[in-house]
Amino acid sequence: MRITAIETLVCHARMRNWVFVKVVTDQPGLIGWGEATLDGLSAKLNGMPGRGLIR
């Protein structure tokens, strides 16, 4: 099993942004989800400002 992608998803939640991380593997159907919220640092966790932002 190898990790093939790590994707971030930033969700706007009024006073802060929630940051979720999706880990994709080379095994069909095997993925993982995590939560990586740090107040005020969501753009840095996401890698690029505005990328993957849901409002």
PDB file of N, CA and C in Angstrom:
ATOM      1  N   MET A   1       0.843  -1.174   0.000  1.00  0.00           N
ATOM      2  CA  MET A   1       0.000   0.000   0.000  1.00  0.00           C
ATOM      3  C   MET A   1       0.890   1.239   0.000  1.00  0.00           C
ATOM      4  N   ARG A   2       0.560   2.184  -0.875  1.00  0.00           N
ATOM      5  CA  ARG A   2       1.270   3.460  -0.943  1.00  0.00           C
ATOM      6  C   ARG A   2       0.283   4.613  -0.923  1.00  0.00           C
ATOM      7  N   ILE A   3       0.698   5.706  -0.334  1.00  0.00           N
ATOM      8  CA  ILE A   3      -0.101   6.930  -0.386  1.00  0.00           C
ATOM      9  C   ILE A   3       0.120   7.563  -1.751  1.00  0.00           C
ATOM     10  N   THR A   4      -0.972   7.818  -2.460  1.00  0.00           N
ATOM     11  CA  THR A   4      -0.875   8.390  -3.801  1.00  0.00           C
ATOM     12  C   THR A   4      -1.232   9.871  -3.836  1.00  0.00           C
ATOM     13  N   ALA A   5      -1.970  10.355  -2.844  1.00  0.00           N
ATOM     14  CA  ALA A   5      -2.349  11.774  -2.817  1.00  0.00           C
ATOM     15  C   ALA A   5      -2.755  12.172  -1.404  1.00  0.00           C
ATOM     16  N   ILE A   6      -2.511  13.429  -1.099  1.00  0.00           N
ATOM     17  CA  ILE A   6      -3.002  14.041   0.132  1.00  0.00           C
ATOM     18  C   ILE A   6      -3.704  15.322  -0.288  1.00  0.00           C
ATOM     19  N   GLU A   7      -5.005  15.393   0.005  1.00  0.00           N
ATOM     20  CA  GLU A   7      -5.812  16.535  -0.405  1.00  0.00           C
ATOM     21  C   GLU A   7      -6.314  17.269   0.830  1.00  0.00           C
ATOM     22  N   THR A   8      -6.412  18.594   0.742  1.00  0.00           N
ATOM     23  CA  THR A   8      -6.965  19.374   1.845  1.00  0.00           C
ATOM     24  C   THR A   8      -8.285  19.973   1.412  1.00  0.00           C
ATOM     25  N   LEU A   9      -9.182  20.111   2.374  1.00  0.00           N
ATOM     26  CA  LEU A   9     -10.485  20.706   2.149  1.00  0.00           C
ATOM     27  C   LEU A   9     -10.727  21.682   3.288  1.00  0.00           C
ATOM     28  N   VAL A  10     -10.874  22.962   2.964  1.00  0.00           N
ATOM     29  CA  VAL A  10     -11.092  23.996   3.973  1.00  0.00           C
ATOM     30  C   VAL A  10     -12.553  24.403   3.927  1.00  0.00           C
ATOM     31  N   CYS A  11     -13.233  24.308   5.064  1.00  0.00           N
ATOM     32  CA  CYS A  11     -14.650  24.653   5.162  1.00  0.00           C
ATOM     33  C   CYS A  11     -14.813  25.887   6.046  1.00  0.00           C
ATOM     34  N   HIS A  12     -15.434  26.915   5.504  1.00  0.00           N
ATOM     35  CA  HIS A  12     -15.671  28.144   6.258  1.00  0.00           C
ATOM     36  C   HIS A  12     -16.762  27.887   7.299  1.00  0.00           C
ATOM     37  N   ALA A  13     -16.491  28.202   8.559  1.00  0.00           N
ATOM     38  CA  ALA A  13     -17.441  27.964   9.650  1.00  0.00           C
ATOM     39  C   ALA A  13     -17.565  29.203  10.533  1.00  0.00           C
ATOM     40  N   ARG A  14     -17.964  30.302   9.938  1.00  0.00           N
ATOM     41  CA  ARG A  14     -18.162  31.602  10.590  1.00  0.00           C
ATOM     42  C   ARG A  14     -16.912  32.158  11.259  1.00  0.00           C
ATOM     43  N   MET A  15     -16.599  31.752  12.475  1.00  0.00           N
ATOM     44  CA  MET A  15     -15.495  32.365  13.215  1.00  0.00           C
ATOM     45  C   MET A  15     -14.140  31.732  12.916  1.00  0.00           C
ATOM     46  N   ARG A  16     -14.124  30.581  12.253  1.00  0.00           N
ATOM     47  CA  ARG A  16     -12.866  29.906  11.931  1.00  0.00           C
ATOM     48  C   ARG A  16     -13.079  29.027  10.712  1.00  0.00           C
ATOM     49  N   ASN A  17     -12.004  28.551  10.158  1.00  0.00           N
ATOM     50  CA  ASN A  17     -12.072  27.589   9.068  1.00  0.00           C
ATOM     51  C   ASN A  17     -11.726  26.212   9.605  1.00  0.00           C
ATOM     52  N   TRP A  18     -12.469  25.211   9.170  1.00  0.00           N
ATOM     53  CA  TRP A  18     -12.140  23.831   9.508  1.00  0.00           C
ATOM     54  C   TRP A  18     -11.329  23.268   8.370  1.00  0.00           C
ATOM     55  N   VAL A  19     -10.259  22.563   8.685  1.00  0.00           N
ATOM     56  CA  VAL A  19      -9.390  21.977   7.667  1.00  0.00           C
ATOM     57  C   VAL A  19      -9.463  20.455   7.796  1.00  0.00           C
ATOM     58  N   PHE A  20      -9.874  19.811   6.710  1.00  0.00           N
ATOM     59  CA  PHE A  20      -9.932  18.354   6.657  1.00  0.00           C
ATOM     60  C   PHE A  20      -8.878  17.873   5.666  1.00  0.00           C
ATOM     61  N   VAL A  21      -8.299  16.716   5.957  1.00  0.00           N
ATOM     62  CA  VAL A  21      -7.256  16.144   5.112  1.00  0.00           C
ATOM     63  C   VAL A  21      -7.724  14.764   4.652  1.00  0.00           C
ATOM     64  N   LYS A  22      -7.642  14.532   3.347  1.00  0.00           N
ATOM     65  CA  LYS A  22      -7.994  13.231   2.765  1.00  0.00           C
ATOM     66  C   LYS A  22      -6.712  12.570   2.264  1.00  0.00           C
ATOM     67  N   VAL A  23      -6.461  11.342   2.722  1.00  0.00           N
ATOM     68  CA  VAL A  23      -5.285  10.584   2.294  1.00  0.00           C
ATOM     69  C   VAL A  23      -5.772   9.458   1.382  1.00  0.00           C
ATOM     70  N   VAL A  24      -5.270   9.450   0.147  1.00  0.00           N
ATOM     71  CA  VAL A  24      -5.677   8.469  -0.864  1.00  0.00           C
ATOM     72  C   VAL A  24      -4.541   7.469  -1.054  1.00  0.00           C
ATOM     73  N   THR A  25      -4.899   6.183  -1.160  1.00  0.00           N
ATOM     74  CA  THR A  25      -3.893   5.133  -1.356  1.00  0.00           C
ATOM     75  C   THR A  25      -4.088   4.453  -2.712  1.00  0.00           C
ATOM     76  N   ASP A  26      -3.148   3.595  -3.046  1.00  0.00           N
ATOM     77  CA  ASP A  26      -3.253   2.849  -4.305  1.00  0.00           C
ATOM     78  C   ASP A  26      -4.175   1.634  -4.184  1.00  0.00           C
ATOM     79  N   GLN A  27      -4.714   1.370  -3.005  1.00  0.00           N
ATOM     80  CA  GLN A  27      -5.675   0.293  -2.801  1.00  0.00           C
ATOM     81  C   GLN A  27      -7.074   0.815  -3.146  1.00  0.00           C
ATOM     82  N   PRO A  28      -7.794   0.196  -4.046  1.00  0.00           N
ATOM     83  CA  PRO A  28      -9.135   0.664  -4.411  1.00  0.00           C
ATOM     84  C   PRO A  28     -10.060   0.768  -3.199  1.00  0.00           C
ATOM     85  N   GLY A  29     -10.637   1.930  -3.013  1.00  0.00           N
ATOM     86  CA  GLY A  29     -11.583   2.153  -1.923  1.00  0.00           C
ATOM     87  C   GLY A  29     -10.970   2.427  -0.566  1.00  0.00           C
ATOM     88  N   LEU A  30      -9.655   2.409  -0.445  1.00  0.00           N
ATOM     89  CA  LEU A  30      -9.011   2.640   0.846  1.00  0.00           C
ATOM     90  C   LEU A  30      -8.507   4.081   0.919  1.00  0.00           C
ATOM     91  N   ILE A  31      -9.219   4.902   1.697  1.00  0.00           N
ATOM     92  CA  ILE A  31      -8.836   6.295   1.912  1.00  0.00           C
ATOM     93  C   ILE A  31      -8.922   6.593   3.406  1.00  0.00           C
ATOM     94  N   GLY A  32      -8.336   7.672   3.818  1.00  0.00           N
ATOM     95  CA  GLY A  32      -8.414   8.089   5.207  1.00  0.00           C
ATOM     96  C   GLY A  32      -8.748   9.563   5.290  1.00  0.00           C
ATOM     97  N   TRP A  33      -9.440   9.949   6.352  1.00  0.00           N
ATOM     98  CA  TRP A  33      -9.794  11.346   6.590  1.00  0.00           C
ATOM     99  C   TRP A  33      -9.244  11.773   7.938  1.00  0.00           C
ATOM    100  N   GLY A  34      -8.790  13.011   8.022  1.00  0.00           N
ATOM    101  CA  GLY A  34      -8.316  13.573   9.278  1.00  0.00           C
ATOM    102  C   GLY A  34      -8.744  15.023   9.386  1.00  0.00           C
ATOM    103  N   GLU A  35      -8.594  15.592  10.555  1.00  0.00           N
ATOM    104  CA  GLU A  35      -8.962  16.984  10.790  1.00  0.00           C
ATOM    105  C   GLU A  35      -7.715  17.694  11.300  1.00  0.00           C
ATOM    106  N   ALA A  36      -7.387  18.831  10.675  1.00  0.00           N
ATOM    107  CA  ALA A  36      -6.126  19.509  10.977  1.00  0.00           C
ATOM    108  C   ALA A  36      -6.326  20.999  11.224  1.00  0.00           C
ATOM    109  N   THR A  37      -7.370  21.373  11.924  1.00  0.00           N
ATOM    110  CA  THR A  37      -7.687  22.780  12.123  1.00  0.00           C
ATOM    111  C   THR A  37      -6.733  23.433  13.119  1.00  0.00           C
ATOM    112  N   LEU A  38      -6.150  24.554  12.708  1.00  0.00           N
ATOM    113  CA  LEU A  38      -5.362  25.422  13.584  1.00  0.00           C
ATOM    114  C   LEU A  38      -5.866  26.837  13.353  1.00  0.00           C
ATOM    115  N   ASP A  39      -6.363  27.481  14.398  1.00  0.00           N
ATOM    116  CA  ASP A  39      -6.934  28.821  14.246  1.00  0.00           C
ATOM    117  C   ASP A  39      -5.952  29.777  13.594  1.00  0.00           C
ATOM    118  N   GLY A  40      -6.390  30.417  12.510  1.00  0.00           N
ATOM    119  CA  GLY A  40      -5.596  31.426  11.838  1.00  0.00           C
ATOM    120  C   GLY A  40      -4.556  30.886  10.873  1.00  0.00           C
ATOM    121  N   LEU A  41      -4.403  29.584  10.761  1.00  0.00           N
ATOM    122  CA  LEU A  41      -3.358  29.021   9.906  1.00  0.00           C
ATOM    123  C   LEU A  41      -3.896  28.135   8.788  1.00  0.00           C
ATOM    124  N   SER A  42      -5.185  28.226   8.478  1.00  0.00           N
ATOM    125  CA  SER A  42      -5.761  27.317   7.491  1.00  0.00           C
ATOM    126  C   SER A  42      -5.143  27.496   6.109  1.00  0.00           C
ATOM    127  N   ALA A  43      -4.788  28.713   5.715  1.00  0.00           N
ATOM    128  CA  ALA A  43      -4.181  28.930   4.395  1.00  0.00           C
ATOM    129  C   ALA A  43      -2.815  28.258   4.312  1.00  0.00           C
ATOM    130  N   LYS A  44      -2.055  28.277   5.398  1.00  0.00           N
ATOM    131  CA  LYS A  44      -0.740  27.628   5.391  1.00  0.00           C
ATOM    132  C   LYS A  44      -0.876  26.114   5.359  1.00  0.00           C
ATOM    133  N   LEU A  45      -1.855  25.569   6.087  1.00  0.00           N
ATOM    134  CA  LEU A  45      -2.080  24.128   6.063  1.00  0.00           C
ATOM    135  C   LEU A  45      -2.535  23.662   4.692  1.00  0.00           C
ATOM    136  N   ASN A  46      -3.295  24.506   4.018  1.00  0.00           N
ATOM    137  CA  ASN A  46      -3.836  24.159   2.704  1.00  0.00           C
ATOM    138  C   ASN A  46      -2.806  24.319   1.597  1.00  0.00           C
ATOM    139  N   GLY A  47      -1.722  25.009   1.838  1.00  0.00           N
ATOM    140  CA  GLY A  47      -0.669  25.164   0.849  1.00  0.00           C
ATOM    141  C   GLY A  47      -0.813  26.377  -0.040  1.00  0.00           C
ATOM    142  N   MET A  48      -2.027  26.735  -0.408  1.00  0.00           N
ATOM    143  CA  MET A  48      -2.262  27.880  -1.281  1.00  0.00           C
ATOM    144  C   MET A  48      -3.531  28.590  -0.826  1.00  0.00           C
ATOM    145  N   PRO A  49      -3.495  29.887  -0.605  1.00  0.00           N
ATOM    146  CA  PRO A  49      -4.692  30.613  -0.181  1.00  0.00           C
ATOM    147  C   PRO A  49      -5.814  30.464  -1.204  1.00  0.00           C
ATOM    148  N   GLY A  50      -7.021  30.166  -0.701  1.00  0.00           N
ATOM    149  CA  GLY A  50      -8.186  30.079  -1.547  1.00  0.00           C
ATOM    150  C   GLY A  50      -8.399  28.749  -2.226  1.00  0.00           C
ATOM    151  N   ARG A  51      -7.434  27.849  -2.166  1.00  0.00           N
ATOM    152  CA  ARG A  51      -7.557  26.553  -2.845  1.00  0.00           C
ATOM    153  C   ARG A  51      -8.352  25.587  -1.981  1.00  0.00           C
ATOM    154  N   GLY A  52      -9.409  25.022  -2.518  1.00  0.00           N
ATOM    155  CA  GLY A  52     -10.222  24.050  -1.799  1.00  0.00           C
ATOM    156  C   GLY A  52     -11.160  24.661  -0.777  1.00  0.00           C
ATOM    157  N   LEU A  53     -11.401  25.951  -0.839  1.00  0.00           N
ATOM    158  CA  LEU A  53     -12.230  26.632   0.151  1.00  0.00           C
ATOM    159  C   LEU A  53     -13.704  26.468  -0.162  1.00  0.00           C
ATOM    160  N   ILE A  54     -14.471  26.042   0.823  1.00  0.00           N
ATOM    161  CA  ILE A  54     -15.924  25.934   0.693  1.00  0.00           C
ATOM    162  C   ILE A  54     -16.540  26.967   1.598  1.00  0.00           C
ATOM    163  N   ARG A  55     -17.418  27.756   1.060  1.00  0.00           N
ATOM    164  CA  ARG A  55     -18.102  28.784   1.872  1.00  0.00           C
ATOM    165  C   ARG A  55     -19.550  28.428   2.052  1.00  0.00           C
TER     166      ARG A  55
END
